[in-house]
């Protein structure tokens, strides 16, 4: 859903309909996934 989330966020940015990216994510797929919760980030941490 990430491409759609970013698209909707950019589309409404600066308008009266503007929402935070977290709000767009919740409405689109039910949750927001911050960078530090991305699986590849956790998998590839050193040590």
ModelCIF file with pLDDT and N, C-alpha, C, O atoms, coordinates in Angstrom:
data_MODEL
#
_entry.id   MODEL 
#
_entity.id                         1 
_entity.type                       polymer 
_entity.pdbx_number_of_molecules   1 
#
_entity_poly.entity_id                      1 
_entity_poly.type                           'polypeptide(L)' 
_entity_poly.nstd_linkage                   no 
_entity_poly.nstd_monomer                   no 
_entity_poly.pdbx_seq_one_letter_code       
;(UNK)(UNK)(UNK)(UNK)(UNK)(UNK)(UNK)(UNK)(UNK)(UNK)(UNK)(UNK)(UNK)(UNK)(UNK)(UNK)
(UNK)(UNK)(UNK)(UNK)(UNK)(UNK)(UNK)(UNK)(UNK)(UNK)(UNK)(UNK)(UNK)(UNK)(UNK)(UNK)
(UNK)(UNK)(UNK)(UNK)(UNK)(UNK)(UNK)(UNK)(UNK)(UNK)(UNK)(UNK)(UNK)(UNK)(UNK)
;
_entity_poly.pdbx_seq_one_letter_code_can   XXXXXXXXXXXXXXXXXXXXXXXXXXXXXXXXXXXXXXXXXXXXXXX 
_entity_poly.pdbx_strand_id                 A 
#
loop_
_entity_poly_seq.entity_id 
_entity_poly_seq.num 
_entity_poly_seq.mon_id 
_entity_poly_seq.hetero 
1 1  UNK n 
1 2  UNK n 
1 3  UNK n 
1 4  UNK n 
1 5  UNK n 
1 6  UNK n 
1 7  UNK n 
1 8  UNK n 
1 9  UNK n 
1 10 UNK n 
1 11 UNK n 
1 12 UNK n 
1 13 UNK n 
1 14 UNK n 
1 15 UNK n 
1 16 UNK n 
1 17 UNK n 
1 18 UNK n 
1 19 UNK n 
1 20 UNK n 
1 21 UNK n 
1 22 UNK n 
1 23 UNK n 
1 24 UNK n 
1 25 UNK n 
1 26 UNK n 
1 27 UNK n 
1 28 UNK n 
1 29 UNK n 
1 30 UNK n 
1 31 UNK n 
1 32 UNK n 
1 33 UNK n 
1 34 UNK n 
1 35 UNK n 
1 36 UNK n 
1 37 UNK n 
1 38 UNK n 
1 39 UNK n 
1 40 UNK n 
1 41 UNK n 
1 42 UNK n 
1 43 UNK n 
1 44 UNK n 
1 45 UNK n 
1 46 UNK n 
1 47 UNK n 
#
_struct_asym.id          A 
_struct_asym.entity_id   1 
#
loop_
_ma_qa_metric.id 
_ma_qa_metric.mode 
_ma_qa_metric.name 
_ma_qa_metric.software_group_id 
_ma_qa_metric.type 
1 global pLDDT . pLDDT 
2 local  pLDDT . pLDDT 
#
_ma_qa_metric_global.metric_id      1 
_ma_qa_metric_global.metric_value   89.19 
_ma_qa_metric_global.model_id       1 
_ma_qa_metric_global.ordinal_id     1 
#
loop_
_ma_qa_metric_local.label_asym_id 
_ma_qa_metric_local.label_comp_id 
_ma_qa_metric_local.label_seq_id 
_ma_qa_metric_local.metric_id 
_ma_qa_metric_local.metric_value 
_ma_qa_metric_local.model_id 
_ma_qa_metric_local.ordinal_id 
A UNK 1  2 89.00 1 1  
A UNK 2  2 91.00 1 2  
A UNK 3  2 92.00 1 3  
A UNK 4  2 92.00 1 4  
A UNK 5  2 91.00 1 5  
A UNK 6  2 92.00 1 6  
A UNK 7  2 92.00 1 7  
A UNK 8  2 91.00 1 8  
A UNK 9  2 90.00 1 9  
A UNK 10 2 92.00 1 10 
A UNK 11 2 91.00 1 11 
A UNK 12 2 88.00 1 12 
A UNK 13 2 89.00 1 13 
A UNK 14 2 88.00 1 14 
A UNK 15 2 89.00 1 15 
A UNK 16 2 88.00 1 16 
A UNK 17 2 88.00 1 17 
A UNK 18 2 89.00 1 18 
A UNK 19 2 91.00 1 19 
A UNK 20 2 91.00 1 20 
A UNK 21 2 91.00 1 21 
A UNK 22 2 89.00 1 22 
A UNK 23 2 88.00 1 23 
A UNK 24 2 89.00 1 24 
A UNK 25 2 87.00 1 25 
A UNK 26 2 85.00 1 26 
A UNK 27 2 83.00 1 27 
A UNK 28 2 83.00 1 28 
A UNK 29 2 79.00 1 29 
A UNK 30 2 78.00 1 30 
A UNK 31 2 82.00 1 31 
A UNK 32 2 88.00 1 32 
A UNK 33 2 90.00 1 33 
A UNK 34 2 92.00 1 34 
A UNK 35 2 92.00 1 35 
A UNK 36 2 92.00 1 36 
A UNK 37 2 92.00 1 37 
A UNK 38 2 92.00 1 38 
A UNK 39 2 91.00 1 39 
A UNK 40 2 91.00 1 40 
A UNK 41 2 93.00 1 41 
A UNK 42 2 92.00 1 42 
A UNK 43 2 91.00 1 43 
A UNK 44 2 91.00 1 44 
A UNK 45 2 91.00 1 45 
A UNK 46 2 90.00 1 46 
A UNK 47 2 86.00 1 47 
#
loop_
_atom_site.group_PDB 
_atom_site.id 
_atom_site.type_symbol 
_atom_site.label_atom_id 
_atom_site.label_alt_id 
_atom_site.label_comp_id 
_atom_site.label_asym_id 
_atom_site.label_entity_id 
_atom_site.label_seq_id 
_atom_site.pdbx_PDB_ins_code 
_atom_site.Cartn_x 
_atom_site.Cartn_y 
_atom_site.Cartn_z 
_atom_site.occupancy 
_atom_site.B_iso_or_equiv 
_atom_site.pdbx_formal_charge 
_atom_site.auth_seq_id 
_atom_site.auth_comp_id 
_atom_site.auth_asym_id 
_atom_site.auth_atom_id 
_atom_site.pdbx_PDB_model_num 
ATOM 1   N N  . UNK A 1 1  ? 0.806  -1.221 0.000  1.00 89.00 ? 1  UNK A N  1 
ATOM 2   C CA . UNK A 1 1  ? 0.000  0.000  0.000  1.00 89.00 ? 1  UNK A CA 1 
ATOM 3   C C  . UNK A 1 1  ? 0.844  1.279  0.000  1.00 89.00 ? 1  UNK A C  1 
ATOM 4   O O  . UNK A 1 1  ? 0.307  2.383  -0.093 1.00 89.00 ? 1  UNK A O  1 
ATOM 5   N N  . UNK A 1 2  ? 2.171  1.121  0.106  1.00 91.00 ? 2  UNK A N  1 
ATOM 6   C CA . UNK A 1 2  ? 3.039  2.283  0.333  1.00 91.00 ? 2  UNK A CA 1 
ATOM 7   C C  . UNK A 1 2  ? 2.931  3.318  -0.786 1.00 91.00 ? 2  UNK A C  1 
ATOM 8   O O  . UNK A 1 2  ? 2.861  4.516  -0.512 1.00 91.00 ? 2  UNK A O  1 
ATOM 9   N N  . UNK A 1 3  ? 2.919  2.873  -2.029 1.00 92.00 ? 3  UNK A N  1 
ATOM 10  C CA . UNK A 1 3  ? 2.841  3.816  -3.152 1.00 92.00 ? 3  UNK A CA 1 
ATOM 11  C C  . UNK A 1 3  ? 1.545  4.619  -3.085 1.00 92.00 ? 3  UNK A C  1 
ATOM 12  O O  . UNK A 1 3  ? 1.554  5.828  -3.314 1.00 92.00 ? 3  UNK A O  1 
ATOM 13  N N  . UNK A 1 4  ? 0.451  3.967  -2.779 1.00 92.00 ? 4  UNK A N  1 
ATOM 14  C CA . UNK A 1 4  ? -0.837 4.648  -2.678 1.00 92.00 ? 4  UNK A CA 1 
ATOM 15  C C  . UNK A 1 4  ? -0.854 5.627  -1.502 1.00 92.00 ? 4  UNK A C  1 
ATOM 16  O O  . UNK A 1 4  ? -1.401 6.725  -1.601 1.00 92.00 ? 4  UNK A O  1 
ATOM 17  N N  . UNK A 1 5  ? -0.241 5.207  -0.380 1.00 91.00 ? 5  UNK A N  1 
ATOM 18  C CA . UNK A 1 5  ? -0.171 6.082  0.800  1.00 91.00 ? 5  UNK A CA 1 
ATOM 19  C C  . UNK A 1 5  ? 0.582  7.366  0.464  1.00 91.00 ? 5  UNK A C  1 
ATOM 20  O O  . UNK A 1 5  ? 0.127  8.465  0.784  1.00 91.00 ? 5  UNK A O  1 
ATOM 21  N N  . UNK A 1 6  ? 1.737  7.217  -0.182 1.00 92.00 ? 6  UNK A N  1 
ATOM 22  C CA . UNK A 1 6  ? 2.552  8.388  -0.541 1.00 92.00 ? 6  UNK A CA 1 
ATOM 23  C C  . UNK A 1 6  ? 1.831  9.259  -1.570 1.00 92.00 ? 6  UNK A C  1 
ATOM 24  O O  . UNK A 1 6  ? 1.890  10.487 -1.505 1.00 92.00 ? 6  UNK A O  1 
ATOM 25  N N  . UNK A 1 7  ? 1.160  8.620  -2.507 1.00 92.00 ? 7  UNK A N  1 
ATOM 26  C CA . UNK A 1 7  ? 0.438  9.360  -3.537 1.00 92.00 ? 7  UNK A CA 1 
ATOM 27  C C  . UNK A 1 7  ? -0.675 10.222 -2.916 1.00 92.00 ? 7  UNK A C  1 
ATOM 28  O O  . UNK A 1 7  ? -0.812 11.399 -3.249 1.00 92.00 ? 7  UNK A O  1 
ATOM 29  N N  . UNK A 1 8  ? -1.458 9.633  -2.023 1.00 91.00 ? 8  UNK A N  1 
ATOM 30  C CA . UNK A 1 8  ? -2.549 10.378 -1.386 1.00 91.00 ? 8  UNK A CA 1 
ATOM 31  C C  . UNK A 1 8  ? -2.015 11.475 -0.477 1.00 91.00 ? 8  UNK A C  1 
ATOM 32  O O  . UNK A 1 8  ? -2.586 12.563 -0.395 1.00 91.00 ? 8  UNK A O  1 
ATOM 33  N N  . UNK A 1 9  ? -0.913 11.178 0.206  1.00 90.00 ? 9  UNK A N  1 
ATOM 34  C CA . UNK A 1 9  ? -0.311 12.178 1.094  1.00 90.00 ? 9  UNK A CA 1 
ATOM 35  C C  . UNK A 1 9  ? 0.162  13.389 0.284  1.00 90.00 ? 9  UNK A C  1 
ATOM 36  O O  . UNK A 1 9  ? -0.097 14.533 0.657  1.00 90.00 ? 9  UNK A O  1 
ATOM 37  N N  . UNK A 1 10 ? 0.860  13.124 -0.833 1.00 92.00 ? 10 UNK A N  1 
ATOM 38  C CA . UNK A 1 10 ? 1.365  14.213 -1.669 1.00 92.00 ? 10 UNK A CA 1 
ATOM 39  C C  . UNK A 1 10 ? 0.222  14.979 -2.343 1.00 92.00 ? 10 UNK A C  1 
ATOM 40  O O  . UNK A 1 10 ? 0.295  16.199 -2.494 1.00 92.00 ? 10 UNK A O  1 
ATOM 41  N N  . UNK A 1 11 ? -0.819 14.272 -2.744 1.00 91.00 ? 11 UNK A N  1 
ATOM 42  C CA . UNK A 1 11 ? -1.950 14.902 -3.431 1.00 91.00 ? 11 UNK A CA 1 
ATOM 43  C C  . UNK A 1 11 ? -2.651 15.926 -2.534 1.00 91.00 ? 11 UNK A C  1 
ATOM 44  O O  . UNK A 1 11 ? -3.025 17.008 -2.988 1.00 91.00 ? 11 UNK A O  1 
ATOM 45  N N  . UNK A 1 12 ? -2.823 15.573 -1.258 1.00 88.00 ? 12 UNK A N  1 
ATOM 46  C CA . UNK A 1 12 ? -3.576 16.445 -0.350 1.00 88.00 ? 12 UNK A CA 1 
ATOM 47  C C  . UNK A 1 12 ? -2.689 17.437 0.402  1.00 88.00 ? 12 UNK A C  1 
ATOM 48  O O  . UNK A 1 12 ? -3.189 18.318 1.100  1.00 88.00 ? 12 UNK A O  1 
ATOM 49  N N  . UNK A 1 13 ? -1.385 17.290 0.257  1.00 89.00 ? 13 UNK A N  1 
ATOM 50  C CA . UNK A 1 13 ? -0.462 18.151 0.994  1.00 89.00 ? 13 UNK A CA 1 
ATOM 51  C C  . UNK A 1 13 ? -0.648 19.618 0.584  1.00 89.00 ? 13 UNK A C  1 
ATOM 52  O O  . UNK A 1 13 ? -0.679 19.930 -0.606 1.00 89.00 ? 13 UNK A O  1 
ATOM 53  N N  . UNK A 1 14 ? -0.771 20.509 1.562  1.00 88.00 ? 14 UNK A N  1 
ATOM 54  C CA . UNK A 1 14 ? -0.944 21.928 1.298  1.00 88.00 ? 14 UNK A CA 1 
ATOM 55  C C  . UNK A 1 14 ? -2.373 22.336 1.010  1.00 88.00 ? 14 UNK A C  1 
ATOM 56  O O  . UNK A 1 14 ? -2.642 23.514 0.773  1.00 88.00 ? 14 UNK A O  1 
ATOM 57  N N  . UNK A 1 15 ? -3.314 21.368 1.025  1.00 89.00 ? 15 UNK A N  1 
ATOM 58  C CA . UNK A 1 15 ? -4.729 21.693 0.800  1.00 89.00 ? 15 UNK A CA 1 
ATOM 59  C C  . UNK A 1 15 ? -5.487 21.600 2.118  1.00 89.00 ? 15 UNK A C  1 
ATOM 60  O O  . UNK A 1 15 ? -4.935 21.231 3.155  1.00 89.00 ? 15 UNK A O  1 
ATOM 61  N N  . UNK A 1 16 ? -6.772 21.948 2.047  1.00 88.00 ? 16 UNK A N  1 
ATOM 62  C CA . UNK A 1 16 ? -7.600 21.859 3.249  1.00 88.00 ? 16 UNK A CA 1 
ATOM 63  C C  . UNK A 1 16 ? -7.795 20.405 3.681  1.00 88.00 ? 16 UNK A C  1 
ATOM 64  O O  . UNK A 1 16 ? -8.154 20.129 4.826  1.00 88.00 ? 16 UNK A O  1 
ATOM 65  N N  . UNK A 1 17 ? -7.555 19.489 2.757  1.00 88.00 ? 17 UNK A N  1 
ATOM 66  C CA . UNK A 1 17 ? -7.727 18.057 3.048  1.00 88.00 ? 17 UNK A CA 1 
ATOM 67  C C  . UNK A 1 17 ? -6.444 17.411 3.580  1.00 88.00 ? 17 UNK A C  1 
ATOM 68  O O  . UNK A 1 17 ? -6.392 16.197 3.775  1.00 88.00 ? 17 UNK A O  1 
ATOM 69  N N  . UNK A 1 18 ? -5.415 18.224 3.811  1.00 89.00 ? 18 UNK A N  1 
ATOM 70  C CA . UNK A 1 18 ? -4.116 17.660 4.196  1.00 89.00 ? 18 UNK A CA 1 
ATOM 71  C C  . UNK A 1 18 ? -4.218 16.813 5.468  1.00 89.00 ? 18 UNK A C  1 
ATOM 72  O O  . UNK A 1 18 ? -4.838 17.202 6.458  1.00 89.00 ? 18 UNK A O  1 
ATOM 73  N N  . UNK A 1 19 ? -3.584 15.642 5.396  1.00 91.00 ? 19 UNK A N  1 
ATOM 74  C CA . UNK A 1 19 ? -3.486 14.753 6.555  1.00 91.00 ? 19 UNK A CA 1 
ATOM 75  C C  . UNK A 1 19 ? -2.032 14.358 6.746  1.00 91.00 ? 19 UNK A C  1 
ATOM 76  O O  . UNK A 1 19 ? -1.228 14.427 5.816  1.00 91.00 ? 19 UNK A O  1 
ATOM 77  N N  . UNK A 1 20 ? -1.708 13.947 7.956  1.00 91.00 ? 20 UNK A N  1 
ATOM 78  C CA . UNK A 1 20 ? -0.358 13.429 8.181  1.00 91.00 ? 20 UNK A CA 1 
ATOM 79  C C  . UNK A 1 20 ? -0.233 12.101 7.456  1.00 91.00 ? 20 UNK A C  1 
ATOM 80  O O  . UNK A 1 20 ? -1.233 11.447 7.161  1.00 91.00 ? 20 UNK A O  1 
ATOM 81  N N  . UNK A 1 21 ? 0.993  11.710 7.174  1.00 91.00 ? 21 UNK A N  1 
ATOM 82  C CA . UNK A 1 21 ? 1.194  10.437 6.478  1.00 91.00 ? 21 UNK A CA 1 
ATOM 83  C C  . UNK A 1 21 ? 0.715  9.272  7.335  1.00 91.00 ? 21 UNK A C  1 
ATOM 84  O O  . UNK A 1 21 ? 0.282  8.242  6.819  1.00 91.00 ? 21 UNK A O  1 
ATOM 85  N N  . UNK A 1 22 ? 0.799  9.452  8.674  1.00 89.00 ? 22 UNK A N  1 
ATOM 86  C CA . UNK A 1 22 ? 0.307  8.409  9.579  1.00 89.00 ? 22 UNK A CA 1 
ATOM 87  C C  . UNK A 1 22 ? -1.213 8.234  9.438  1.00 89.00 ? 22 UNK A C  1 
ATOM 88  O O  . UNK A 1 22 ? -1.718 7.112  9.448  1.00 89.00 ? 22 UNK A O  1 
ATOM 89  N N  . UNK A 1 23 ? -1.922 9.343  9.308  1.00 88.00 ? 23 UNK A N  1 
ATOM 90  C CA . UNK A 1 23 ? -3.382 9.277  9.159  1.00 88.00 ? 23 UNK A CA 1 
ATOM 91  C C  . UNK A 1 23 ? -3.770 8.624  7.829  1.00 88.00 ? 23 UNK A C  1 
ATOM 92  O O  . UNK A 1 23 ? -4.712 7.835  7.760  1.00 88.00 ? 23 UNK A O  1 
ATOM 93  N N  . UNK A 1 24 ? -3.028 8.967  6.783  1.00 89.00 ? 24 UNK A N  1 
ATOM 94  C CA . UNK A 1 24 ? -3.294 8.354  5.474  1.00 89.00 ? 24 UNK A CA 1 
ATOM 95  C C  . UNK A 1 24 ? -3.051 6.845  5.545  1.00 89.00 ? 24 UNK A C  1 
ATOM 96  O O  . UNK A 1 24 ? -3.840 6.059  5.021  1.00 89.00 ? 24 UNK A O  1 
ATOM 97  N N  . UNK A 1 25 ? -1.960 6.448  6.192  1.00 87.00 ? 25 UNK A N  1 
ATOM 98  C CA . UNK A 1 25 ? -1.621 5.023  6.304  1.00 87.00 ? 25 UNK A CA 1 
ATOM 99  C C  . UNK A 1 25 ? -2.687 4.256  7.080  1.00 87.00 ? 25 UNK A C  1 
ATOM 100 O O  . UNK A 1 25 ? -3.083 3.163  6.674  1.00 87.00 ? 25 UNK A O  1 
ATOM 101 N N  . UNK A 1 26 ? -3.150 4.817  8.187  1.00 85.00 ? 26 UNK A N  1 
ATOM 102 C CA . UNK A 1 26 ? -4.182 4.157  8.993  1.00 85.00 ? 26 UNK A CA 1 
ATOM 103 C C  . UNK A 1 26 ? -5.461 3.949  8.190  1.00 85.00 ? 26 UNK A C  1 
ATOM 104 O O  . UNK A 1 26 ? -6.103 2.903  8.287  1.00 85.00 ? 26 UNK A O  1 
ATOM 105 N N  . UNK A 1 27 ? -5.823 4.959  7.394  1.00 83.00 ? 27 UNK A N  1 
ATOM 106 C CA . UNK A 1 27 ? -7.050 4.857  6.599  1.00 83.00 ? 27 UNK A CA 1 
ATOM 107 C C  . UNK A 1 27 ? -6.893 3.867  5.447  1.00 83.00 ? 27 UNK A C  1 
ATOM 108 O O  . UNK A 1 27 ? -7.865 3.251  5.011  1.00 83.00 ? 27 UNK A O  1 
ATOM 109 N N  . UNK A 1 28 ? -5.649 3.719  4.955  1.00 83.00 ? 28 UNK A N  1 
ATOM 110 C CA . UNK A 1 28 ? -5.420 2.885  3.771  1.00 83.00 ? 28 UNK A CA 1 
ATOM 111 C C  . UNK A 1 28 ? -5.202 1.416  4.116  1.00 83.00 ? 28 UNK A C  1 
ATOM 112 O O  . UNK A 1 28 ? -5.804 0.533  3.504  1.00 83.00 ? 28 UNK A O  1 
ATOM 113 N N  . UNK A 1 29 ? -4.332 1.154  5.108  1.00 79.00 ? 29 UNK A N  1 
ATOM 114 C CA . UNK A 1 29 ? -4.031 -0.263 5.388  1.00 79.00 ? 29 UNK A CA 1 
ATOM 115 C C  . UNK A 1 29 ? -4.166 -0.646 6.860  1.00 79.00 ? 29 UNK A C  1 
ATOM 116 O O  . UNK A 1 29 ? -3.845 -1.774 7.233  1.00 79.00 ? 29 UNK A O  1 
ATOM 117 N N  . UNK A 1 30 ? -4.637 0.279  7.702  1.00 78.00 ? 30 UNK A N  1 
ATOM 118 C CA . UNK A 1 30 ? -4.939 -0.080 9.082  1.00 78.00 ? 30 UNK A CA 1 
ATOM 119 C C  . UNK A 1 30 ? -3.859 0.223  10.094 1.00 78.00 ? 30 UNK A C  1 
ATOM 120 O O  . UNK A 1 30 ? -4.100 0.130  11.298 1.00 78.00 ? 30 UNK A O  1 
ATOM 121 N N  . UNK A 1 31 ? -2.655 0.589  9.628  1.00 82.00 ? 31 UNK A N  1 
ATOM 122 C CA . UNK A 1 31 ? -1.575 0.936  10.557 1.00 82.00 ? 31 UNK A CA 1 
ATOM 123 C C  . UNK A 1 31 ? -0.499 1.722  9.808  1.00 82.00 ? 31 UNK A C  1 
ATOM 124 O O  . UNK A 1 31 ? -0.437 1.715  8.579  1.00 82.00 ? 31 UNK A O  1 
ATOM 125 N N  . UNK A 1 32 ? 0.341  2.396  10.583 1.00 88.00 ? 32 UNK A N  1 
ATOM 126 C CA . UNK A 1 32 ? 1.490  3.108  10.016 1.00 88.00 ? 32 UNK A CA 1 
ATOM 127 C C  . UNK A 1 32 ? 2.750  2.371  10.441 1.00 88.00 ? 32 UNK A C  1 
ATOM 128 O O  . UNK A 1 32 ? 2.887  1.985  11.602 1.00 88.00 ? 32 UNK A O  1 
ATOM 129 N N  . UNK A 1 33 ? 3.678  2.173  9.496  1.00 90.00 ? 33 UNK A N  1 
ATOM 130 C CA . UNK A 1 33 ? 4.913  1.446  9.769  1.00 90.00 ? 33 UNK A CA 1 
ATOM 131 C C  . UNK A 1 33 ? 6.092  2.409  9.700  1.00 90.00 ? 33 UNK A C  1 
ATOM 132 O O  . UNK A 1 33 ? 6.536  2.764  8.608  1.00 90.00 ? 33 UNK A O  1 
ATOM 133 N N  . UNK A 1 34 ? 6.610  2.839  10.867 1.00 92.00 ? 34 UNK A N  1 
ATOM 134 C CA . UNK A 1 34 ? 7.758  3.760  10.855 1.00 92.00 ? 34 UNK A CA 1 
ATOM 135 C C  . UNK A 1 34 ? 9.014  3.071  10.336 1.00 92.00 ? 34 UNK A C  1 
ATOM 136 O O  . UNK A 1 34 ? 9.075  1.844  10.257 1.00 92.00 ? 34 UNK A O  1 
ATOM 137 N N  . UNK A 1 35 ? 10.005 3.865  9.986  1.00 92.00 ? 35 UNK A N  1 
ATOM 138 C CA . UNK A 1 35 ? 11.227 3.316  9.390  1.00 92.00 ? 35 UNK A CA 1 
ATOM 139 C C  . UNK A 1 35 ? 11.911 2.308  10.311 1.00 92.00 ? 35 UNK A C  1 
ATOM 140 O O  . UNK A 1 35 ? 12.454 1.306  9.845  1.00 92.00 ? 35 UNK A O  1 
ATOM 141 N N  . UNK A 1 36 ? 11.885 2.575  11.630 1.00 92.00 ? 36 UNK A N  1 
ATOM 142 C CA . UNK A 1 36 ? 12.588 1.670  12.549 1.00 92.00 ? 36 UNK A CA 1 
ATOM 143 C C  . UNK A 1 36 ? 11.825 0.371  12.794 1.00 92.00 ? 36 UNK A C  1 
ATOM 144 O O  . UNK A 1 36 ? 12.290 -0.492 13.537 1.00 92.00 ? 36 UNK A O  1 
ATOM 145 N N  . UNK A 1 37 ? 10.631 0.228  12.160 1.00 92.00 ? 37 UNK A N  1 
ATOM 146 C CA . UNK A 1 37 ? 9.871  -1.016 12.269 1.00 92.00 ? 37 UNK A CA 1 
ATOM 147 C C  . UNK A 1 37 ? 9.877  -1.784 10.948 1.00 92.00 ? 37 UNK A C  1 
ATOM 148 O O  . UNK A 1 37 ? 9.224  -2.820 10.823 1.00 92.00 ? 37 UNK A O  1 
ATOM 149 N N  . UNK A 1 38 ? 10.621 -1.268 9.959  1.00 92.00 ? 38 UNK A N  1 
ATOM 150 C CA . UNK A 1 38 ? 10.704 -1.973 8.679  1.00 92.00 ? 38 UNK A CA 1 
ATOM 151 C C  . UNK A 1 38 ? 11.529 -3.247 8.862  1.00 92.00 ? 38 UNK A C  1 
ATOM 152 O O  . UNK A 1 38 ? 12.547 -3.245 9.553  1.00 92.00 ? 38 UNK A O  1 
ATOM 153 N N  . UNK A 1 39 ? 11.078 -4.329 8.237  1.00 91.00 ? 39 UNK A N  1 
ATOM 154 C CA . UNK A 1 39 ? 11.677 -5.638 8.502  1.00 91.00 ? 39 UNK A CA 1 
ATOM 155 C C  . UNK A 1 39 ? 13.144 -5.697 8.067  1.00 91.00 ? 39 UNK A C  1 
ATOM 156 O O  . UNK A 1 39 ? 13.987 -6.228 8.789  1.00 91.00 ? 39 UNK A O  1 
ATOM 157 N N  . UNK A 1 40 ? 13.441 -5.157 6.901  1.00 91.00 ? 40 UNK A N  1 
ATOM 158 C CA . UNK A 1 40 ? 14.825 -5.200 6.419  1.00 91.00 ? 40 UNK A CA 1 
ATOM 159 C C  . UNK A 1 40 ? 15.754 -4.413 7.335  1.00 91.00 ? 40 UNK A C  1 
ATOM 160 O O  . UNK A 1 40 ? 16.906 -4.797 7.534  1.00 91.00 ? 40 UNK A O  1 
ATOM 161 N N  . UNK A 1 41 ? 15.252 -3.310 7.893  1.00 93.00 ? 41 UNK A N  1 
ATOM 162 C CA . UNK A 1 41 ? 16.059 -2.518 8.832  1.00 93.00 ? 41 UNK A CA 1 
ATOM 163 C C  . UNK A 1 41 ? 16.431 -3.372 10.049 1.00 93.00 ? 41 UNK A C  1 
ATOM 164 O O  . UNK A 1 41 ? 17.589 -3.394 10.466 1.00 93.00 ? 41 UNK A O  1 
ATOM 165 N N  . UNK A 1 42 ? 15.450 -4.070 10.613 1.00 92.00 ? 42 UNK A N  1 
ATOM 166 C CA . UNK A 1 42 ? 15.683 -4.897 11.801 1.00 92.00 ? 42 UNK A CA 1 
ATOM 167 C C  . UNK A 1 42 ? 16.563 -6.095 11.466 1.00 92.00 ? 42 UNK A C  1 
ATOM 168 O O  . UNK A 1 42 ? 17.419 -6.483 12.261 1.00 92.00 ? 42 UNK A O  1 
ATOM 169 N N  . UNK A 1 43 ? 16.354 -6.678 10.293 1.00 91.00 ? 43 UNK A N  1 
ATOM 170 C CA . UNK A 1 43 ? 17.115 -7.855 9.877  1.00 91.00 ? 43 UNK A CA 1 
ATOM 171 C C  . UNK A 1 43 ? 18.596 -7.534 9.696  1.00 91.00 ? 43 UNK A C  1 
ATOM 172 O O  . UNK A 1 43 ? 19.458 -8.345 10.034 1.00 91.00 ? 43 UNK A O  1 
ATOM 173 N N  . UNK A 1 44 ? 18.885 -6.351 9.162  1.00 91.00 ? 44 UNK A N  1 
ATOM 174 C CA . UNK A 1 44 ? 20.263 -6.021 8.780  1.00 91.00 ? 44 UNK A CA 1 
ATOM 175 C C  . UNK A 1 44 ? 21.015 -5.170 9.794  1.00 91.00 ? 44 UNK A C  1 
ATOM 176 O O  . UNK A 1 44 ? 22.085 -4.645 9.484  1.00 91.00 ? 44 UNK A O  1 
ATOM 177 N N  . UNK A 1 45 ? 20.476 -5.025 10.993 1.00 91.00 ? 45 UNK A N  1 
ATOM 178 C CA . UNK A 1 45 ? 21.205 -4.303 12.035 1.00 91.00 ? 45 UNK A CA 1 
ATOM 179 C C  . UNK A 1 45 ? 22.508 -5.036 12.351 1.00 91.00 ? 45 UNK A C  1 
ATOM 180 O O  . UNK A 1 45 ? 22.526 -6.266 12.357 1.00 91.00 ? 45 UNK A O  1 
ATOM 181 N N  . UNK A 1 46 ? 23.605 -4.307 12.615 1.00 90.00 ? 46 UNK A N  1 
ATOM 182 C CA . UNK A 1 46 ? 24.873 -4.978 12.931 1.00 90.00 ? 46 UNK A CA 1 
ATOM 183 C C  . UNK A 1 46 ? 24.825 -5.663 14.297 1.00 90.00 ? 46 UNK A C  1 
ATOM 184 O O  . UNK A 1 46 ? 24.100 -5.234 15.194 1.00 90.00 ? 46 UNK A O  1 
ATOM 185 N N  . UNK A 1 47 ? 25.613 -6.741 14.441 1.00 86.00 ? 47 UNK A N  1 
ATOM 186 C CA . UNK A 1 47 ? 25.679 -7.440 15.720 1.00 86.00 ? 47 UNK A CA 1 
ATOM 187 C C  . UNK A 1 47 ? 24.444 -8.284 15.982 1.00 86.00 ? 47 UNK A C  1 
ATOM 188 O O  . UNK A 1 47 ? 24.351 -8.935 17.023 1.00 86.00 ? 47 UNK A O  1 
#
